[in-house]
Each structure stands twice: as structure tokens, then as C-alpha cells.
């Protein structure tokens, strides 16, 4: 477990909603740049098992690899992904910033729609990247829904080092929490509609989301999506496919970092984690933010560096 000094929010930034919003939107305003890696950034589309997934990779021949999985409707260019990738790269790691299917303006790559139970394609990509670039050690770093994916990857690929930051363990409860806050609800409704518009534009012969554009909550959109665009019988069955509560993670070797004041993932969700999953709960930090200065630097970036350094001896 990393031995960093305890996280302390800067004066005036203790509010978890402020932390969460500044981490996402505030850092975009401050222009956390995509070219921080100089000329070594390489956009690459991998086709594995008939599915195309886009990544941005920054590879050193003699370095351990860390694969970053963004949260729901985030991307390889999300501010928190760029921040952690820059920090890990500067610390000597190879880094791959991953996009889940349809995320990061990739709706045109696959006719089939993304849903959160699509773990096989993520496992295939992680295994391929580890075989290609992970000769000096491999790790996965996931945020929120990306943390959920990272933990499922750890279950399937037990040799990989896994850090999940504020992972969404209970899909049903996470959806409920988002819908209880108008700001978060509007944010995710807007982004989900935008993705579906892009999907419809790319495959107009298959998709028409006009009916979905009339729905205004995440729960309503999810019920519509599951009914008309997945093979699941109902939303409960869909959520069960990637729910990680109870004994689901028994025997999985992974590490979870979470916060008591997370406005999207309640701290109570982590109480049932099995002993095989190392767990650290921090009092403050919002939803995966952990901002430690008004320059919007993240303590979690330093935490990730120390976590992977301990395992890989960079």
C-alpha cells in the first residue's frame, strides 16, 4: 500500500462537489494539454475479436506498462486521464490511455453499441497490450466505471497489477445517486445523448434514438437502452452482469482507493469487499478527484505512481 502523506484538501476546496467538478471541467478550462508527451504519443486502433478499440500509447522499450481505463462516457483525453498519464510517464512508465467502445469519438468504429457488461473485448485488449509492451511489468488503473472494468480485468488476468480509484461497484445504486443530483444527472444525460447521436449518424440504417431524446433521467434512459438495444431481459439483469458487490471479487488481487465524501459512489458500497482486495478509504477527495492545490494537481496521481513503483521497481 502506498505510504504517501495523508491527503489534505487545499483551503476552500474541501467540498466534494467542488472537487469532483473542478477535477473534470475545471482542468479542461486550465487546458491540461494532450501533447504533454512530446512526440511519443501514438494513436492506435486495435481490432481484436472483431471489435475495434482506439487507444493512445506512449511506450518506452524498457519500462513497465500502465493501462488507464476512463470512467463512463470519459475518454483517453479526459482531464483526469491526461493528468495521471502525464504523471506516470514522467515517473518512467509506459502508458496506454484507453477508450472503451464508442467512447472518445469512436462511435463509428463498431456497429454494435457499448454497454457496461462488455468485458471480453477489454480483457482481450489488455492482454494484447501486456504481451506487446508489458515485458517489464503491467498494470491497470481505472476510474469509476473504468475502475469496475479494471477489477473485472483483474479477475480474468490475475497476473496484472490493478488499482481502481472510486470504482462503481453497484450499478443500480450509482445510477440512483446520479439521478438524485440535477448537475450530475444533466451532465451524464447530455453526454449519453451525444454519444447516441454520433452512433445514429454513423449507422443511420440501424439506429434511431429520437425516442430516447425525450427522456430526461439516467434511469429512464437506461431502461430504454436495455429494452431496445441489449439482449438483457430487463435493467436488473443488465446491472447484475457487472455488479461487483457481495462475494463477486472473492480471491481477486487488486487495490481500491476511495473516499468517504464521494457524491456518486457511497462509501458503504465498499464495506463488503473481500480480504483479497486491498482497500484504502480517504476522508475527502470527491469522486476520484483528490485535488491538492488550486493548480488542480491530483494527490491520486502521486498515489498511482507509488503504487505501481512498489510493484515494478521503476
Protein backbone atom coordinates (compact mmCIF):
# COMPACT_ATOMS: atom_id res chain seq x y z
CA UNK A 1 0.00 0.00 0.00
CA UNK A 2 1.39 3.45 -0.86
CA UNK A 3 2.87 5.35 2.08
CA UNK A 4 2.22 8.93 0.93
CA UNK A 5 1.38 11.59 3.46
CA UNK A 6 -2.36 11.77 4.11
CA UNK A 7 -4.39 13.68 1.56
CA UNK A 8 -5.35 17.21 2.56
CA UNK A 9 -7.73 19.33 0.50
CA UNK A 10 -6.45 22.91 -0.02
CA UNK A 11 -8.17 25.76 1.76
CA UNK A 12 -11.56 26.41 0.20
CA UNK A 13 -11.65 23.13 -1.75
CA UNK A 14 -12.96 20.64 0.79
CA UNK A 15 -16.46 20.40 -0.72
CA UNK A 16 -16.75 17.07 -2.56
CA UNK A 17 -18.92 18.51 -5.34
CA UNK A 18 -16.39 21.28 -5.95
CA UNK A 19 -13.61 18.69 -6.01
CA UNK A 20 -15.48 16.49 -8.48
CA UNK A 21 -16.49 19.29 -10.85
CA UNK A 22 -13.10 21.00 -10.82
CA UNK A 23 -11.35 17.70 -11.49
CA UNK A 24 -13.37 17.19 -14.66
CA UNK A 25 -14.44 20.56 -16.01
CA UNK A 26 -12.00 22.87 -14.22
CA UNK A 27 -8.96 21.08 -15.52
CA UNK A 28 -10.31 21.34 -19.06
CA UNK A 29 -10.51 25.10 -18.62
CA UNK A 30 -6.88 25.11 -17.46
CA UNK A 31 -6.01 23.24 -20.66
CA UNK A 32 -4.29 20.09 -19.44
CA UNK A 33 -2.73 19.54 -22.82
CA UNK A 34 -2.78 16.42 -24.94
CA UNK A 35 0.77 16.99 -26.20
CA UNK A 36 2.46 16.70 -22.78
CA UNK A 37 4.23 13.58 -24.01
CA UNK A 38 6.14 15.41 -26.75
CA UNK A 39 6.29 13.43 -29.97
CA UNK A 40 5.85 9.97 -28.46
CA UNK A 41 2.03 9.89 -28.42
CA UNK A 42 0.74 7.24 -30.82
CA UNK A 43 -2.95 6.87 -31.62
CA UNK A 44 -3.62 3.25 -32.44
CA UNK A 45 -6.77 1.33 -33.34
CA UNK A 46 -6.67 -2.35 -32.40
CA UNK A 47 -9.09 -4.88 -33.85
CA UNK A 48 -9.39 -7.94 -31.63
CA UNK A 49 -12.19 -10.47 -31.80
CA UNK A 50 -13.98 -8.38 -34.43
CA UNK A 51 -14.12 -5.27 -32.19
CA UNK A 52 -12.13 -2.09 -32.84
CA UNK A 53 -10.88 -0.08 -29.86
CA UNK A 54 -8.85 3.13 -30.02
CA UNK A 55 -6.01 3.93 -27.64
CA UNK A 56 -3.25 6.50 -27.23
CA UNK A 57 0.01 4.83 -26.30
CA UNK A 58 3.29 6.22 -25.01
CA UNK A 59 5.84 3.43 -24.97
CA UNK A 60 9.38 3.05 -23.67
CA UNK A 61 11.15 -0.20 -24.53
CA UNK A 62 12.50 -0.77 -21.03
CA UNK A 63 9.62 0.43 -18.83
CA UNK A 64 6.67 -1.17 -17.02
CA UNK A 65 3.30 -0.57 -18.64
CA UNK A 66 0.22 1.06 -17.07
CA UNK A 67 -3.09 0.95 -18.97
CA UNK A 68 -5.59 3.66 -17.94
CA UNK A 69 -9.33 2.97 -18.27
CA UNK A 70 -11.53 6.11 -18.07
CA UNK A 71 -14.92 6.30 -16.43
CA UNK A 72 -18.32 6.10 -18.11
CA UNK A 73 -18.54 8.49 -21.09
CA UNK A 74 -14.98 9.64 -20.41
CA UNK A 75 -12.15 9.08 -22.85
CA UNK A 76 -8.42 8.86 -23.40
CA UNK A 77 -8.48 12.66 -23.47
CA UNK A 78 -10.42 13.20 -20.24
CA UNK A 79 -8.58 15.61 -17.96
CA UNK A 80 -8.05 13.09 -15.15
CA UNK A 81 -6.70 10.53 -17.65
CA UNK A 82 -4.28 13.03 -19.16
CA UNK A 83 -3.18 14.11 -15.70
CA UNK A 84 -2.45 10.60 -14.43
CA UNK A 85 -0.87 9.57 -17.74
CA UNK A 86 1.45 12.57 -17.71
CA UNK A 87 2.48 11.84 -14.11
CA UNK A 88 3.14 8.14 -14.78
CA UNK A 89 5.06 8.93 -17.97
CA UNK A 90 7.20 11.48 -16.13
CA UNK A 91 7.92 8.83 -13.46
CA UNK A 92 9.33 6.47 -16.10
CA UNK A 93 6.38 4.25 -17.05
CA UNK A 94 5.00 3.33 -20.44
CA UNK A 95 1.36 4.44 -20.57
CA UNK A 96 -1.66 3.49 -22.67
CA UNK A 97 -4.74 5.71 -22.47
CA UNK A 98 -7.65 3.52 -23.45
CA UNK A 99 -11.11 4.22 -24.87
CA UNK A 100 -13.99 1.88 -24.18
CA UNK A 101 -16.18 1.11 -27.17
CA UNK A 102 -17.98 4.23 -28.52
CA UNK A 103 -16.08 6.49 -26.08
CA UNK A 104 -13.74 9.26 -27.18
CA UNK A 105 -15.44 9.98 -30.53
CA UNK A 106 -15.14 6.35 -31.66
CA UNK A 107 -18.84 5.61 -32.21
CA UNK A 108 -18.14 4.99 -35.89
CA UNK A 109 -15.68 2.14 -35.29
CA UNK A 110 -18.20 -0.57 -34.31
CA UNK A 111 -21.81 -1.02 -35.34
CA UNK A 112 -22.71 -2.61 -32.03
CA UNK A 113 -23.41 -0.28 -29.09
CA UNK A 114 -21.30 -0.07 -25.94
CA UNK A 115 -22.72 -1.37 -22.72
CA UNK A 116 -21.01 -1.84 -19.38
CA UNK A 117 -21.12 -5.65 -19.39
CA UNK A 118 -18.81 -5.84 -22.44
CA UNK A 119 -15.78 -7.09 -20.54
CA UNK A 120 -14.41 -9.64 -23.05
CA UNK A 121 -13.19 -7.04 -25.54
CA UNK A 122 -11.48 -5.05 -22.78
CA UNK A 123 -9.74 -8.18 -21.47
CA UNK A 124 -8.57 -9.05 -25.00
CA UNK A 125 -7.13 -5.58 -25.48
CA UNK A 126 -5.41 -5.56 -22.09
CA UNK A 127 -3.90 -8.98 -22.72
CA UNK A 128 -2.67 -7.88 -26.16
CA UNK A 129 -1.11 -4.68 -24.80
CA UNK A 130 0.57 -6.57 -21.95
CA UNK A 131 2.01 -9.13 -24.36
CA UNK A 132 3.22 -6.37 -26.70
CA UNK A 133 4.54 -3.78 -24.24
CA UNK A 134 4.47 -5.25 -20.72
CA UNK A 135 7.72 -7.19 -20.69
CA UNK A 136 8.88 -5.22 -17.62
CA UNK A 137 5.57 -5.49 -15.75
CA UNK A 138 1.98 -4.48 -16.44
CA UNK A 139 -0.70 -2.63 -14.53
CA UNK A 140 -4.23 -1.32 -14.98
CA UNK A 141 -5.52 1.94 -13.50
CA UNK A 142 -9.28 2.51 -13.67
CA UNK A 143 -11.55 5.35 -12.57
CA UNK A 144 -15.21 4.99 -11.57
CA UNK A 145 -16.82 2.68 -14.17
CA UNK A 146 -13.28 2.24 -15.50
CA UNK A 147 -12.41 1.02 -12.01
CA UNK A 148 -15.21 -1.52 -12.29
CA UNK A 149 -13.73 -2.68 -15.60
CA UNK A 150 -10.24 -2.78 -14.06
CA UNK A 151 -11.43 -5.04 -11.23
CA UNK A 152 -13.11 -7.39 -13.70
CA UNK A 153 -9.89 -7.45 -15.73
CA UNK A 154 -8.01 -8.36 -12.54
CA UNK A 155 -10.40 -11.25 -12.02
CA UNK A 156 -9.69 -12.56 -15.52
CA UNK A 157 -5.96 -11.64 -15.69
CA UNK A 158 -4.69 -12.27 -12.15
CA UNK A 159 -1.05 -11.52 -13.01
CA UNK A 160 -1.75 -7.84 -13.69
CA UNK A 161 -1.31 -5.13 -11.03
CA UNK A 162 -4.62 -3.32 -10.56
CA UNK A 163 -5.54 0.00 -8.96
CA UNK A 164 -9.22 1.04 -9.03
CA UNK A 165 -9.99 4.62 -7.96
CA UNK A 166 -13.54 5.18 -6.69
CA UNK A 167 -14.82 2.17 -8.67
CA UNK A 168 -18.54 1.85 -9.32
CA UNK A 169 -19.35 -1.46 -7.64
CA UNK A 170 -23.15 -1.25 -7.56
CA UNK A 171 -24.56 -0.04 -10.92
CA UNK A 172 -28.10 0.34 -9.59
CA UNK A 173 -27.08 2.49 -6.62
CA UNK A 174 -24.69 4.56 -8.74
CA UNK A 175 -27.47 5.32 -11.22
CA UNK A 176 -29.75 6.32 -8.35
CA UNK A 177 -27.12 8.68 -6.90
CA UNK A 178 -26.55 10.38 -10.25
CA UNK A 179 -30.27 10.92 -10.72
CA UNK A 180 -30.56 12.48 -7.25
CA UNK A 181 -28.27 15.36 -8.23
CA UNK A 182 -29.50 17.63 -11.01
CA UNK A 183 -25.99 18.75 -12.05
CA UNK A 184 -24.61 15.21 -12.41
CA UNK A 185 -27.83 13.99 -14.00
CA UNK A 186 -27.77 16.74 -16.66
CA UNK A 187 -24.08 16.15 -17.30
CA UNK A 188 -24.44 12.43 -17.98
CA UNK A 189 -27.76 12.72 -19.82
CA UNK A 190 -26.17 15.25 -22.18
CA UNK A 191 -23.11 13.07 -22.79
CA UNK A 192 -25.12 9.89 -23.32
CA UNK A 193 -27.45 11.60 -25.80
CA UNK A 194 -24.41 12.99 -27.62
CA UNK A 195 -22.94 9.50 -27.95
CA UNK A 196 -26.21 8.12 -29.32
CA UNK A 197 -26.49 10.95 -31.85
CA UNK A 198 -22.99 10.08 -33.05
CA UNK A 199 -23.93 6.40 -33.26
CA UNK A 200 -27.07 7.19 -35.25
CA UNK A 201 -25.10 9.42 -37.62
CA UNK A 202 -22.54 6.66 -38.19
CA UNK A 203 -25.11 3.88 -38.66
CA UNK A 204 -28.41 5.52 -39.73
CA UNK A 205 -29.67 2.24 -41.20
CA UNK A 206 -29.63 0.64 -37.76
CA UNK A 207 -30.27 3.30 -35.12
CA UNK A 208 -32.92 5.90 -34.42
CA UNK A 209 -32.69 7.42 -30.96
CA UNK A 210 -35.40 10.08 -31.39
CA UNK A 211 -37.49 8.47 -28.67
CA UNK A 212 -34.55 8.48 -26.25
CA UNK A 213 -34.07 12.22 -26.70
CA UNK A 214 -37.40 12.75 -24.95
CA UNK A 215 -36.18 11.03 -21.76
CA UNK A 216 -34.56 13.15 -19.08
CA UNK A 217 -33.15 10.86 -16.39
CA UNK A 218 -30.40 8.26 -16.32
CA UNK A 219 -32.82 5.65 -15.02
CA UNK A 220 -35.29 6.25 -17.87
CA UNK A 221 -32.52 6.24 -20.47
CA UNK A 222 -31.08 3.03 -19.00
CA UNK A 223 -34.47 1.25 -19.06
CA UNK A 224 -34.97 2.35 -22.68
CA UNK A 225 -31.44 1.31 -23.66
CA UNK A 226 -31.65 -2.13 -22.05
CA UNK A 227 -35.07 -2.85 -23.53
CA UNK A 228 -34.36 -1.83 -27.11
CA UNK A 229 -30.61 -2.15 -27.56
CA UNK A 230 -29.31 -5.08 -25.49
CA UNK A 231 -30.03 -8.78 -25.15
CA UNK A 232 -30.85 -8.44 -21.43
CA UNK A 233 -34.43 -9.08 -20.35
CA UNK A 234 -34.54 -6.10 -18.00
CA UNK A 235 -32.39 -3.49 -16.27
CA UNK A 236 -31.90 -5.61 -13.14
CA UNK A 237 -30.41 -8.40 -15.25
CA UNK A 238 -28.17 -5.91 -17.03
CA UNK A 239 -26.88 -4.43 -13.77
CA UNK A 240 -26.26 -7.90 -12.35
CA UNK A 241 -23.88 -8.59 -15.24
CA UNK A 242 -21.35 -6.09 -13.90
CA UNK A 243 -22.30 -5.65 -10.26
CA UNK A 244 -19.22 -6.24 -8.08
CA UNK A 245 -20.79 -6.24 -4.63
CA UNK A 246 -21.00 -9.24 -2.33
CA UNK A 247 -18.57 -12.08 -3.00
CA UNK A 248 -18.05 -11.29 -6.70
CA UNK A 249 -14.43 -10.20 -6.17
CA UNK A 250 -13.50 -13.03 -3.79
CA UNK A 251 -9.91 -14.08 -4.48
CA UNK A 252 -9.20 -11.11 -6.78
CA UNK A 253 -5.85 -9.46 -6.11
CA UNK A 254 -6.41 -5.71 -6.57
CA UNK A 255 -6.22 -2.39 -4.74
CA UNK A 256 -9.05 0.11 -4.27
CA UNK A 257 -8.73 3.79 -3.35
CA UNK A 258 -11.96 5.54 -2.40
CA UNK A 259 -13.34 8.50 -0.45
CA UNK A 260 -15.84 8.91 2.34
CA UNK A 261 -17.32 12.00 0.73
CA UNK A 262 -17.75 10.68 -2.83
CA UNK A 263 -21.02 12.24 -4.09
CA UNK A 264 -21.56 9.48 -6.69
CA UNK A 265 -20.26 6.27 -5.08
CA UNK A 266 -21.36 5.96 -1.41
CA UNK A 267 -18.64 4.75 0.94
CA UNK A 268 -20.95 2.00 2.18
CA UNK A 269 -20.56 0.24 -1.18
CA UNK A 270 -17.04 -0.79 -0.24
CA UNK A 271 -17.82 -2.35 3.13
CA UNK A 272 -18.31 -5.82 1.71
CA UNK A 273 -15.07 -6.06 -0.25
CA UNK A 274 -13.33 -9.42 0.30
CA UNK A 275 -9.98 -9.58 2.08
CA UNK A 276 -8.18 -10.33 -1.18
CA UNK A 277 -8.85 -6.75 -2.31
CA UNK A 278 -6.65 -4.22 -0.52
CA UNK A 279 -8.62 -1.11 0.33
CA UNK A 280 -7.85 2.43 1.43
CA UNK A 281 -10.56 4.93 2.33
CA UNK A 282 -9.70 8.64 2.42
CA UNK A 283 -11.96 11.08 4.27
CA UNK A 284 -12.10 13.69 1.48
CA UNK A 285 -11.42 13.85 -2.23
CA UNK A 286 -14.75 13.82 -4.03
CA UNK A 287 -15.33 11.40 -6.89
CA UNK A 288 -11.81 10.40 -7.91
CA UNK A 289 -10.50 13.96 -7.69
CA UNK A 290 -8.17 14.33 -4.67
CA UNK A 291 -7.17 17.83 -5.82
CA UNK A 292 -4.38 19.11 -3.59
CA UNK A 293 -3.82 22.62 -4.96
CA UNK A 294 -5.65 25.39 -6.79
CA UNK A 295 -3.45 24.46 -9.72
CA UNK A 296 -5.69 21.35 -9.73
CA UNK A 297 -2.89 18.83 -9.23
CA UNK A 298 -4.17 15.47 -8.00
CA UNK A 299 -2.83 13.58 -5.00
CA UNK A 300 -4.20 10.42 -6.65
CA UNK A 301 -1.64 10.78 -9.45
CA UNK A 302 1.18 10.57 -6.90
CA UNK A 303 -0.62 7.68 -5.21
CA UNK A 304 -0.77 5.78 -8.51
CA UNK A 305 2.94 6.36 -9.16
CA UNK A 306 3.91 4.98 -5.74
CA UNK A 307 1.52 2.04 -6.08
CA UNK A 308 2.96 0.90 -9.41
CA UNK A 309 6.55 1.74 -8.41
CA UNK A 310 6.28 -0.57 -5.39
CA UNK A 311 5.18 -3.40 -7.63
CA UNK A 312 7.51 -2.78 -10.57
CA UNK A 313 10.58 -1.18 -9.01
CA UNK A 314 10.79 1.63 -11.61
